[in-house]
Amino acid sequence: MVIVFAALLLIATLVAAYRVSSGKSRKRKLIIWGITLMVPVSPLASWMISLLYADFVAHDGFAGIALLLLLPLFFLAGLIVLLTGIFHKKETGTV
């Protein structure tokens, strides 16, 4: 039941980020998605993946703890997207 709640929370977060970023500039979209990946998605996704792997694949809790190393990887991906958005130059209208 906890996995279902976490999955629904993750989906709601992604939908909210999509709605907030729609209609914005590319720079603003990258910033919004970077923060979204870093704060709510990174811990939820890494926890869900590690818990599902520990329960259904390995049948061992230590394997799930080892997979919690996905948290810094997801956080780093969000940080890269955020920094790309911060340092993204404005596009000129010339062709």
N, C-alpha and C. Protein backbone atom coordinates (compact mmCIF):
# COMPACT_ATOMS: atom_id res chain seq x y z
N MET A 1 0.82 -1.19 0.00
CA MET A 1 0.00 0.00 0.00
C MET A 1 0.87 1.26 0.00
N VAL A 2 1.99 1.19 0.67
CA VAL A 2 2.88 2.35 0.73
C VAL A 2 3.47 2.64 -0.65
N ILE A 3 3.77 1.58 -1.39
CA ILE A 3 4.32 1.75 -2.74
C ILE A 3 3.30 2.45 -3.64
N VAL A 4 2.05 2.08 -3.52
CA VAL A 4 1.00 2.70 -4.33
C VAL A 4 0.88 4.19 -3.99
N PHE A 5 0.91 4.52 -2.72
CA PHE A 5 0.85 5.92 -2.31
C PHE A 5 2.05 6.70 -2.83
N ALA A 6 3.23 6.11 -2.74
CA ALA A 6 4.44 6.79 -3.23
C ALA A 6 4.39 6.96 -4.75
N ALA A 7 3.87 5.96 -5.45
CA ALA A 7 3.75 6.06 -6.91
C ALA A 7 2.76 7.15 -7.30
N LEU A 8 1.65 7.22 -6.59
CA LEU A 8 0.67 8.28 -6.87
C LEU A 8 1.23 9.66 -6.57
N LEU A 9 1.99 9.76 -5.50
CA LEU A 9 2.64 11.03 -5.16
C LEU A 9 3.67 11.42 -6.22
N LEU A 10 4.41 10.46 -6.71
CA LEU A 10 5.39 10.71 -7.76
C LEU A 10 4.71 11.16 -9.05
N ILE A 11 3.64 10.50 -9.42
CA ILE A 11 2.90 10.87 -10.63
C ILE A 11 2.29 12.26 -10.47
N ALA A 12 1.73 12.55 -9.31
CA ALA A 12 1.15 13.88 -9.06
C ALA A 12 2.21 14.97 -9.14
N THR A 13 3.39 14.67 -8.64
CA THR A 13 4.49 15.64 -8.70
C THR A 13 4.90 15.91 -10.14
N LEU A 14 5.01 14.85 -10.93
CA LEU A 14 5.39 15.02 -12.33
C LEU A 14 4.33 15.78 -13.12
N VAL A 15 3.06 15.49 -12.85
CA VAL A 15 1.98 16.21 -13.53
C VAL A 15 1.99 17.68 -13.13
N ALA A 16 2.21 17.95 -11.85
CA ALA A 16 2.26 19.34 -11.39
C ALA A 16 3.43 20.09 -12.04
N ALA A 17 4.57 19.44 -12.14
CA ALA A 17 5.73 20.09 -12.77
C ALA A 17 5.47 20.34 -14.25
N TYR A 18 4.79 19.41 -14.89
CA TYR A 18 4.45 19.60 -16.31
C TYR A 18 3.50 20.78 -16.49
N ARG A 19 2.49 20.86 -15.62
CA ARG A 19 1.53 21.95 -15.73
C ARG A 19 2.16 23.31 -15.43
N VAL A 20 3.05 23.33 -14.46
CA VAL A 20 3.71 24.60 -14.12
C VAL A 20 4.65 25.03 -15.23
N SER A 21 5.32 24.08 -15.87
CA SER A 21 6.31 24.44 -16.88
C SER A 21 5.73 24.64 -18.27
N SER A 22 4.49 24.26 -18.50
CA SER A 22 3.92 24.44 -19.84
C SER A 22 3.70 25.92 -20.13
N GLY A 23 4.10 26.31 -21.32
CA GLY A 23 3.97 27.70 -21.73
C GLY A 23 5.11 28.60 -21.30
N LYS A 24 6.11 28.06 -20.66
CA LYS A 24 7.25 28.85 -20.20
C LYS A 24 8.39 28.75 -21.23
N SER A 25 9.39 29.57 -21.05
CA SER A 25 10.56 29.52 -21.93
C SER A 25 11.39 28.27 -21.63
N ARG A 26 12.28 27.94 -22.54
CA ARG A 26 13.12 26.75 -22.35
C ARG A 26 13.96 26.87 -21.08
N LYS A 27 14.48 28.05 -20.82
CA LYS A 27 15.29 28.28 -19.63
C LYS A 27 14.48 28.02 -18.36
N ARG A 28 13.26 28.55 -18.30
CA ARG A 28 12.40 28.37 -17.13
C ARG A 28 11.98 26.91 -16.97
N LYS A 29 11.74 26.22 -18.09
CA LYS A 29 11.37 24.80 -18.03
C LYS A 29 12.50 23.97 -17.44
N LEU A 30 13.73 24.25 -17.87
CA LEU A 30 14.87 23.51 -17.35
C LEU A 30 15.05 23.74 -15.86
N ILE A 31 14.83 24.95 -15.41
CA ILE A 31 14.95 25.25 -13.98
C ILE A 31 13.87 24.52 -13.19
N ILE A 32 12.64 24.56 -13.67
CA ILE A 32 11.54 23.89 -12.97
C ILE A 32 11.77 22.39 -12.91
N TRP A 33 12.16 21.79 -14.04
CA TRP A 33 12.36 20.34 -14.05
C TRP A 33 13.59 19.93 -13.24
N GLY A 34 14.62 20.78 -13.21
CA GLY A 34 15.78 20.48 -12.38
C GLY A 34 15.45 20.44 -10.91
N ILE A 35 14.69 21.43 -10.46
CA ILE A 35 14.28 21.45 -9.05
C ILE A 35 13.35 20.28 -8.75
N THR A 36 12.45 19.97 -9.68
CA THR A 36 11.53 18.85 -9.49
C THR A 36 12.28 17.53 -9.39
N LEU A 37 13.28 17.35 -10.24
CA LEU A 37 14.06 16.11 -10.19
C LEU A 37 14.87 16.01 -8.91
N MET A 38 15.39 17.13 -8.44
CA MET A 38 16.24 17.09 -7.26
C MET A 38 15.46 16.87 -5.97
N VAL A 39 14.36 17.58 -5.79
CA VAL A 39 13.70 17.57 -4.48
C VAL A 39 12.69 16.43 -4.33
N PRO A 40 11.59 16.37 -5.08
CA PRO A 40 10.64 15.29 -4.79
C PRO A 40 10.90 13.99 -5.54
N VAL A 41 11.40 14.06 -6.77
CA VAL A 41 11.50 12.85 -7.59
C VAL A 41 12.67 11.98 -7.16
N SER A 42 13.80 12.57 -6.88
CA SER A 42 14.99 11.80 -6.53
C SER A 42 14.79 10.88 -5.33
N PRO A 43 14.33 11.36 -4.20
CA PRO A 43 14.15 10.44 -3.07
C PRO A 43 13.03 9.43 -3.29
N LEU A 44 11.91 9.87 -3.87
CA LEU A 44 10.80 8.94 -4.08
C LEU A 44 11.16 7.83 -5.06
N ALA A 45 11.76 8.20 -6.17
CA ALA A 45 12.08 7.20 -7.19
C ALA A 45 13.15 6.23 -6.70
N SER A 46 14.18 6.73 -6.05
CA SER A 46 15.22 5.81 -5.58
C SER A 46 14.69 4.90 -4.48
N TRP A 47 13.84 5.42 -3.60
CA TRP A 47 13.26 4.58 -2.55
C TRP A 47 12.36 3.51 -3.15
N MET A 48 11.52 3.90 -4.11
CA MET A 48 10.61 2.94 -4.72
C MET A 48 11.36 1.85 -5.47
N ILE A 49 12.36 2.24 -6.26
CA ILE A 49 13.13 1.26 -7.03
C ILE A 49 13.87 0.31 -6.10
N SER A 50 14.50 0.84 -5.06
CA SER A 50 15.25 -0.03 -4.15
C SER A 50 14.33 -0.95 -3.36
N LEU A 51 13.18 -0.46 -2.94
CA LEU A 51 12.25 -1.30 -2.20
C LEU A 51 11.66 -2.41 -3.08
N LEU A 52 11.28 -2.07 -4.30
CA LEU A 52 10.74 -3.08 -5.21
C LEU A 52 11.80 -4.13 -5.56
N TYR A 53 13.03 -3.68 -5.77
CA TYR A 53 14.10 -4.63 -6.08
C TYR A 53 14.37 -5.54 -4.89
N ALA A 54 14.40 -4.99 -3.70
CA ALA A 54 14.68 -5.79 -2.50
C ALA A 54 13.58 -6.80 -2.24
N ASP A 55 12.32 -6.43 -2.48
CA ASP A 55 11.21 -7.32 -2.20
C ASP A 55 11.02 -8.40 -3.26
N PHE A 56 11.03 -8.01 -4.51
CA PHE A 56 10.60 -8.93 -5.55
C PHE A 56 11.73 -9.60 -6.32
N VAL A 57 12.89 -9.00 -6.39
CA VAL A 57 13.97 -9.58 -7.20
C VAL A 57 14.99 -10.29 -6.32
N ALA A 58 15.57 -9.57 -5.39
CA ALA A 58 16.67 -10.15 -4.60
C ALA A 58 16.19 -10.85 -3.34
N HIS A 59 15.03 -10.51 -2.83
CA HIS A 59 14.52 -11.04 -1.56
C HIS A 59 15.52 -10.81 -0.43
N ASP A 60 16.21 -9.68 -0.48
CA ASP A 60 17.22 -9.35 0.52
C ASP A 60 17.21 -7.84 0.76
N GLY A 61 17.12 -7.44 2.00
CA GLY A 61 17.07 -6.03 2.33
C GLY A 61 18.36 -5.29 2.05
N PHE A 62 19.48 -6.00 2.14
CA PHE A 62 20.76 -5.35 1.89
C PHE A 62 20.92 -4.94 0.43
N ALA A 63 20.30 -5.67 -0.48
CA ALA A 63 20.33 -5.28 -1.89
C ALA A 63 19.55 -3.99 -2.09
N GLY A 64 18.45 -3.84 -1.37
CA GLY A 64 17.69 -2.61 -1.46
C GLY A 64 18.45 -1.42 -0.91
N ILE A 65 19.18 -1.64 0.18
CA ILE A 65 19.99 -0.56 0.74
C ILE A 65 21.09 -0.16 -0.23
N ALA A 66 21.67 -1.14 -0.92
CA ALA A 66 22.71 -0.82 -1.90
C ALA A 66 22.15 -0.01 -3.05
N LEU A 67 20.90 -0.28 -3.42
CA LEU A 67 20.30 0.47 -4.52
C LEU A 67 19.90 1.89 -4.11
N LEU A 68 19.94 2.19 -2.84
CA LEU A 68 19.67 3.57 -2.42
C LEU A 68 20.76 4.52 -2.90
N LEU A 69 21.83 3.96 -3.47
CA LEU A 69 22.85 4.81 -4.08
C LEU A 69 22.34 5.49 -5.33
N LEU A 70 21.13 5.14 -5.77
CA LEU A 70 20.52 5.84 -6.89
C LEU A 70 20.13 7.27 -6.53
N LEU A 71 19.93 7.52 -5.25
CA LEU A 71 19.54 8.86 -4.80
C LEU A 71 20.53 9.93 -5.24
N PRO A 72 21.84 9.78 -4.99
CA PRO A 72 22.76 10.81 -5.47
C PRO A 72 22.83 10.90 -6.99
N LEU A 73 22.61 9.79 -7.68
CA LEU A 73 22.65 9.82 -9.14
C LEU A 73 21.47 10.61 -9.69
N PHE A 74 20.27 10.37 -9.17
CA PHE A 74 19.10 11.13 -9.59
C PHE A 74 19.25 12.60 -9.21
N PHE A 75 19.79 12.86 -8.02
CA PHE A 75 20.00 14.23 -7.57
C PHE A 75 20.99 14.94 -8.48
N LEU A 76 22.05 14.24 -8.87
CA LEU A 76 23.05 14.82 -9.77
C LEU A 76 22.45 15.12 -11.14
N ALA A 77 21.59 14.24 -11.64
CA ALA A 77 20.92 14.50 -12.91
C ALA A 77 20.05 15.75 -12.82
N GLY A 78 19.32 15.91 -11.72
CA GLY A 78 18.52 17.11 -11.52
C GLY A 78 19.37 18.36 -11.40
N LEU A 79 20.51 18.23 -10.73
CA LEU A 79 21.42 19.37 -10.60
C LEU A 79 21.98 19.79 -11.95
N ILE A 80 22.29 18.83 -12.81
CA ILE A 80 22.79 19.15 -14.15
C ILE A 80 21.71 19.86 -14.95
N VAL A 81 20.47 19.39 -14.87
CA VAL A 81 19.38 20.05 -15.58
C VAL A 81 19.16 21.46 -15.04
N LEU A 82 19.21 21.62 -13.73
CA LEU A 82 19.04 22.94 -13.12
C LEU A 82 20.15 23.90 -13.55
N LEU A 83 21.38 23.45 -13.50
CA LEU A 83 22.49 24.32 -13.91
C LEU A 83 22.45 24.64 -15.40
N THR A 84 21.99 23.69 -16.20
CA THR A 84 21.81 23.96 -17.62
C THR A 84 20.77 25.06 -17.82
N GLY A 85 19.71 25.01 -17.04
CA GLY A 85 18.68 26.04 -17.13
C GLY A 85 19.17 27.39 -16.64
N ILE A 86 19.96 27.39 -15.59
CA ILE A 86 20.46 28.67 -15.06
C ILE A 86 21.42 29.34 -16.03
N PHE A 87 22.29 28.56 -16.64
CA PHE A 87 23.29 29.14 -17.53
C PHE A 87 22.90 29.11 -18.99
N HIS A 88 21.64 28.78 -19.29
CA HIS A 88 21.15 28.76 -20.66
C HIS A 88 20.99 30.19 -21.17
N LYS A 89 21.52 30.45 -22.34
CA LYS A 89 21.43 31.79 -22.90
C LYS A 89 20.07 31.99 -23.57
N LYS A 90 19.63 33.22 -23.59
CA LYS A 90 18.38 33.55 -24.27
C LYS A 90 18.56 33.32 -25.77
N GLU A 91 17.50 32.80 -26.38
CA GLU A 91 17.56 32.56 -27.82
C GLU A 91 17.21 33.84 -28.56
N THR A 92 17.97 34.13 -29.62
CA THR A 92 17.68 35.29 -30.42
C THR A 92 16.66 34.91 -31.49
N GLY A 93 15.92 35.85 -31.96
CA GLY A 93 14.85 35.59 -32.92
C GLY A 93 15.33 35.55 -34.36
N THR A 94 16.62 35.70 -34.62
CA THR A 94 17.11 35.70 -35.99
C THR A 94 17.29 34.28 -36.51
N VAL A 95 17.15 34.16 -37.82
CA VAL A 95 17.32 32.85 -38.45
C VAL A 95 18.60 32.80 -39.21
